[in-house]
Amino acid sequence: MALMITNDCISCDACREECPDDAIFEDSPIYIIDPDRCSECIGDYAEPACIVVCPTDCIILDPDNIETAEELRLKHEQSSEV
């Protein structure tokens, strides 16, 4: 699954700076995660970096973007090639 940011986001920018996939973007009024880029940090960290640094715990699994660990790994590998 990709991740998503809920309405509890305070737009603090902590998550965006930590994302190795450059999948988090500033939007109004909250940040958003591009599900086509988010790999849940598979291949980079043991757990999603954005979740670790989020002060409001507003980053959750996106039920509309279900992916297997293998699909996330492939997405990570493809983003690393760019």
N, C-alpha and C. Protein backbone atom coordinates (compact mmCIF):
# COMPACT_ATOMS: atom_id res chain seq x y z
N MET A 1 0.83 -1.19 0.00
CA MET A 1 0.00 0.00 0.00
C MET A 1 0.86 1.24 0.00
N ALA A 2 0.42 2.21 -0.67
CA ALA A 2 1.03 3.53 -0.52
C ALA A 2 0.46 4.14 0.76
N LEU A 3 1.01 5.24 1.14
CA LEU A 3 0.54 5.93 2.33
C LEU A 3 -0.28 7.14 1.94
N MET A 4 -1.03 7.67 2.88
CA MET A 4 -1.79 8.88 2.65
C MET A 4 -1.75 9.74 3.90
N ILE A 5 -1.99 11.03 3.72
CA ILE A 5 -1.97 11.98 4.82
C ILE A 5 -3.42 12.40 5.10
N THR A 6 -3.79 12.34 6.36
CA THR A 6 -5.16 12.68 6.75
C THR A 6 -5.29 14.19 7.00
N ASN A 7 -6.50 14.60 7.28
CA ASN A 7 -6.77 16.02 7.53
C ASN A 7 -6.16 16.53 8.84
N ASP A 8 -5.55 15.66 9.63
CA ASP A 8 -4.88 16.09 10.85
C ASP A 8 -3.51 16.71 10.58
N CYS A 9 -3.09 16.71 9.33
CA CYS A 9 -1.80 17.28 8.93
C CYS A 9 -1.73 18.76 9.30
N ILE A 10 -0.58 19.16 9.87
CA ILE A 10 -0.36 20.57 10.22
C ILE A 10 0.63 21.24 9.26
N SER A 11 0.96 20.56 8.17
CA SER A 11 1.87 21.10 7.14
C SER A 11 3.19 21.57 7.73
N CYS A 12 3.76 20.74 8.58
CA CYS A 12 5.01 21.12 9.26
C CYS A 12 6.25 20.89 8.40
N ASP A 13 6.12 20.12 7.30
CA ASP A 13 7.21 19.85 6.36
C ASP A 13 8.16 18.75 6.80
N ALA A 14 7.96 18.18 7.99
CA ALA A 14 8.88 17.14 8.48
C ALA A 14 8.88 15.92 7.57
N CYS A 15 7.71 15.49 7.14
CA CYS A 15 7.62 14.28 6.32
C CYS A 15 8.25 14.47 4.94
N ARG A 16 8.02 15.60 4.36
CA ARG A 16 8.52 15.86 3.00
C ARG A 16 10.03 15.79 2.94
N GLU A 17 10.68 16.31 3.96
CA GLU A 17 12.14 16.32 4.01
C GLU A 17 12.72 14.91 4.15
N GLU A 18 11.96 14.01 4.76
CA GLU A 18 12.45 12.66 5.03
C GLU A 18 12.17 11.66 3.93
N CYS A 19 11.27 11.97 3.01
CA CYS A 19 10.83 11.01 2.00
C CYS A 19 11.92 10.73 0.97
N PRO A 20 12.44 9.49 0.92
CA PRO A 20 13.48 9.16 -0.06
C PRO A 20 12.94 9.04 -1.49
N ASP A 21 11.62 8.94 -1.62
CA ASP A 21 11.00 8.79 -2.94
C ASP A 21 10.52 10.11 -3.52
N ASP A 22 10.69 11.20 -2.78
CA ASP A 22 10.17 12.51 -3.20
C ASP A 22 8.70 12.38 -3.58
N ALA A 23 7.94 11.68 -2.74
CA ALA A 23 6.53 11.42 -3.03
C ALA A 23 5.58 12.35 -2.29
N ILE A 24 6.10 13.22 -1.43
CA ILE A 24 5.24 14.08 -0.62
C ILE A 24 5.32 15.50 -1.15
N PHE A 25 4.13 16.07 -1.35
CA PHE A 25 4.04 17.40 -1.94
C PHE A 25 3.17 18.31 -1.09
N GLU A 26 3.51 19.58 -1.09
CA GLU A 26 2.71 20.58 -0.40
C GLU A 26 1.44 20.83 -1.20
N ASP A 27 0.33 20.79 -0.53
CA ASP A 27 -0.96 21.09 -1.13
C ASP A 27 -1.71 21.96 -0.14
N SER A 28 -2.87 22.39 -0.48
CA SER A 28 -3.61 23.26 0.42
C SER A 28 -4.89 22.57 0.86
N PRO A 29 -5.14 22.41 2.10
CA PRO A 29 -4.39 22.93 3.25
C PRO A 29 -3.39 21.93 3.82
N ILE A 30 -3.38 20.69 3.31
CA ILE A 30 -2.47 19.67 3.87
C ILE A 30 -1.54 19.14 2.79
N TYR A 31 -0.54 18.41 3.21
CA TYR A 31 0.37 17.77 2.27
C TYR A 31 -0.32 16.53 1.68
N ILE A 32 0.19 16.07 0.54
CA ILE A 32 -0.33 14.86 -0.10
C ILE A 32 0.83 13.94 -0.45
N ILE A 33 0.53 12.66 -0.57
CA ILE A 33 1.52 11.66 -0.97
C ILE A 33 1.11 11.11 -2.33
N ASP A 34 2.03 11.15 -3.28
CA ASP A 34 1.78 10.59 -4.61
C ASP A 34 1.89 9.07 -4.51
N PRO A 35 0.78 8.34 -4.67
CA PRO A 35 0.83 6.89 -4.52
C PRO A 35 1.67 6.20 -5.59
N ASP A 36 1.89 6.86 -6.71
CA ASP A 36 2.73 6.27 -7.76
C ASP A 36 4.21 6.34 -7.42
N ARG A 37 4.57 7.16 -6.45
CA ARG A 37 5.98 7.31 -6.06
C ARG A 37 6.28 6.67 -4.71
N CYS A 38 5.28 6.60 -3.83
CA CYS A 38 5.48 6.11 -2.47
C CYS A 38 5.77 4.61 -2.47
N SER A 39 6.89 4.23 -1.87
CA SER A 39 7.24 2.82 -1.74
C SER A 39 7.24 2.38 -0.28
N GLU A 40 6.69 3.21 0.60
CA GLU A 40 6.69 2.97 2.04
C GLU A 40 8.11 2.77 2.57
N CYS A 41 9.07 3.33 1.89
CA CYS A 41 10.49 3.31 2.26
C CYS A 41 11.11 1.92 2.20
N ILE A 42 10.44 0.98 1.52
CA ILE A 42 11.03 -0.34 1.34
C ILE A 42 12.32 -0.16 0.55
N GLY A 43 13.39 -0.72 1.06
CA GLY A 43 14.69 -0.58 0.41
C GLY A 43 15.52 0.55 0.99
N ASP A 44 14.88 1.42 1.76
CA ASP A 44 15.61 2.54 2.38
C ASP A 44 15.63 2.44 3.90
N TYR A 45 14.47 2.18 4.50
CA TYR A 45 14.34 2.16 5.95
C TYR A 45 13.49 0.98 6.39
N ALA A 46 13.59 0.63 7.67
CA ALA A 46 12.82 -0.48 8.21
C ALA A 46 11.33 -0.14 8.32
N GLU A 47 11.02 1.14 8.44
CA GLU A 47 9.64 1.60 8.47
C GLU A 47 9.55 2.94 7.75
N PRO A 48 8.37 3.33 7.32
CA PRO A 48 8.25 4.57 6.57
C PRO A 48 8.77 5.78 7.35
N ALA A 49 9.70 6.49 6.77
CA ALA A 49 10.34 7.63 7.44
C ALA A 49 9.34 8.73 7.77
N CYS A 50 8.37 8.93 6.90
CA CYS A 50 7.39 9.99 7.14
C CYS A 50 6.57 9.71 8.39
N ILE A 51 6.21 8.46 8.60
CA ILE A 51 5.44 8.10 9.79
C ILE A 51 6.26 8.33 11.05
N VAL A 52 7.54 7.99 10.99
CA VAL A 52 8.42 8.14 12.14
C VAL A 52 8.53 9.59 12.58
N VAL A 53 8.64 10.52 11.64
CA VAL A 53 8.86 11.94 11.99
C VAL A 53 7.58 12.75 12.16
N CYS A 54 6.43 12.21 11.78
CA CYS A 54 5.18 12.98 11.83
C CYS A 54 4.77 13.27 13.27
N PRO A 55 4.66 14.56 13.64
CA PRO A 55 4.29 14.89 15.01
C PRO A 55 2.81 14.70 15.32
N THR A 56 1.97 14.54 14.30
CA THR A 56 0.53 14.41 14.54
C THR A 56 -0.01 13.03 14.20
N ASP A 57 0.86 12.11 13.83
CA ASP A 57 0.43 10.74 13.46
C ASP A 57 -0.70 10.75 12.43
N CYS A 58 -0.53 11.58 11.41
CA CYS A 58 -1.59 11.72 10.41
C CYS A 58 -1.30 10.96 9.12
N ILE A 59 -0.28 10.11 9.11
CA ILE A 59 0.06 9.36 7.91
C ILE A 59 -0.35 7.91 8.12
N ILE A 60 -1.21 7.43 7.24
CA ILE A 60 -1.78 6.08 7.37
C ILE A 60 -1.67 5.34 6.05
N LEU A 61 -1.97 4.03 6.09
CA LEU A 61 -2.03 3.26 4.86
C LEU A 61 -3.21 3.72 4.03
N ASP A 62 -3.02 3.81 2.73
CA ASP A 62 -4.06 4.26 1.81
C ASP A 62 -4.85 3.05 1.33
N PRO A 63 -6.08 2.88 1.79
CA PRO A 63 -6.86 1.70 1.39
C PRO A 63 -7.20 1.66 -0.10
N ASP A 64 -7.06 2.78 -0.80
CA ASP A 64 -7.33 2.81 -2.23
C ASP A 64 -6.12 2.45 -3.07
N ASN A 65 -4.98 2.22 -2.43
CA ASN A 65 -3.74 1.90 -3.16
C ASN A 65 -3.05 0.71 -2.51
N ILE A 66 -3.67 -0.43 -2.60
CA ILE A 66 -3.14 -1.65 -2.00
C ILE A 66 -2.06 -2.22 -2.90
N GLU A 67 -0.88 -2.47 -2.31
CA GLU A 67 0.25 -3.04 -3.05
C GLU A 67 0.95 -4.07 -2.18
N THR A 68 1.52 -5.07 -2.81
CA THR A 68 2.29 -6.07 -2.08
C THR A 68 3.68 -5.51 -1.79
N ALA A 69 4.39 -6.19 -0.91
CA ALA A 69 5.76 -5.79 -0.61
C ALA A 69 6.62 -5.86 -1.86
N GLU A 70 6.38 -6.85 -2.70
CA GLU A 70 7.14 -6.99 -3.95
C GLU A 70 6.88 -5.81 -4.89
N GLU A 71 5.62 -5.38 -4.99
CA GLU A 71 5.30 -4.23 -5.84
C GLU A 71 5.96 -2.96 -5.30
N LEU A 72 5.99 -2.81 -3.99
CA LEU A 72 6.64 -1.64 -3.39
C LEU A 72 8.15 -1.67 -3.64
N ARG A 73 8.74 -2.87 -3.53
CA ARG A 73 10.17 -3.01 -3.79
C ARG A 73 10.50 -2.65 -5.24
N LEU A 74 9.68 -3.10 -6.17
CA LEU A 74 9.88 -2.79 -7.58
C LEU A 74 9.77 -1.29 -7.82
N LYS A 75 8.79 -0.66 -7.19
CA LYS A 75 8.61 0.78 -7.32
C LYS A 75 9.85 1.51 -6.80
N HIS A 76 10.39 1.05 -5.68
CA HIS A 76 11.60 1.65 -5.11
C HIS A 76 12.78 1.50 -6.08
N GLU A 77 12.94 0.33 -6.65
CA GLU A 77 14.05 0.08 -7.58
C GLU A 77 13.93 0.98 -8.80
N GLN A 78 12.73 1.14 -9.31
CA GLN A 78 12.52 1.99 -10.48
C GLN A 78 12.81 3.45 -10.17
N SER A 79 12.45 3.91 -8.98
CA SER A 79 12.71 5.30 -8.63
C SER A 79 14.20 5.55 -8.40
N SER A 80 14.92 4.51 -8.00
CA SER A 80 16.36 4.65 -7.78
C SER A 80 17.12 4.74 -9.09
N GLU A 81 16.54 4.23 -10.17
CA GLU A 81 17.20 4.25 -11.48
C GLU A 81 17.10 5.60 -12.14
N VAL A 82 16.16 6.42 -11.74
CA VAL A 82 15.94 7.72 -12.39
C VAL A 82 17.02 8.70 -12.04
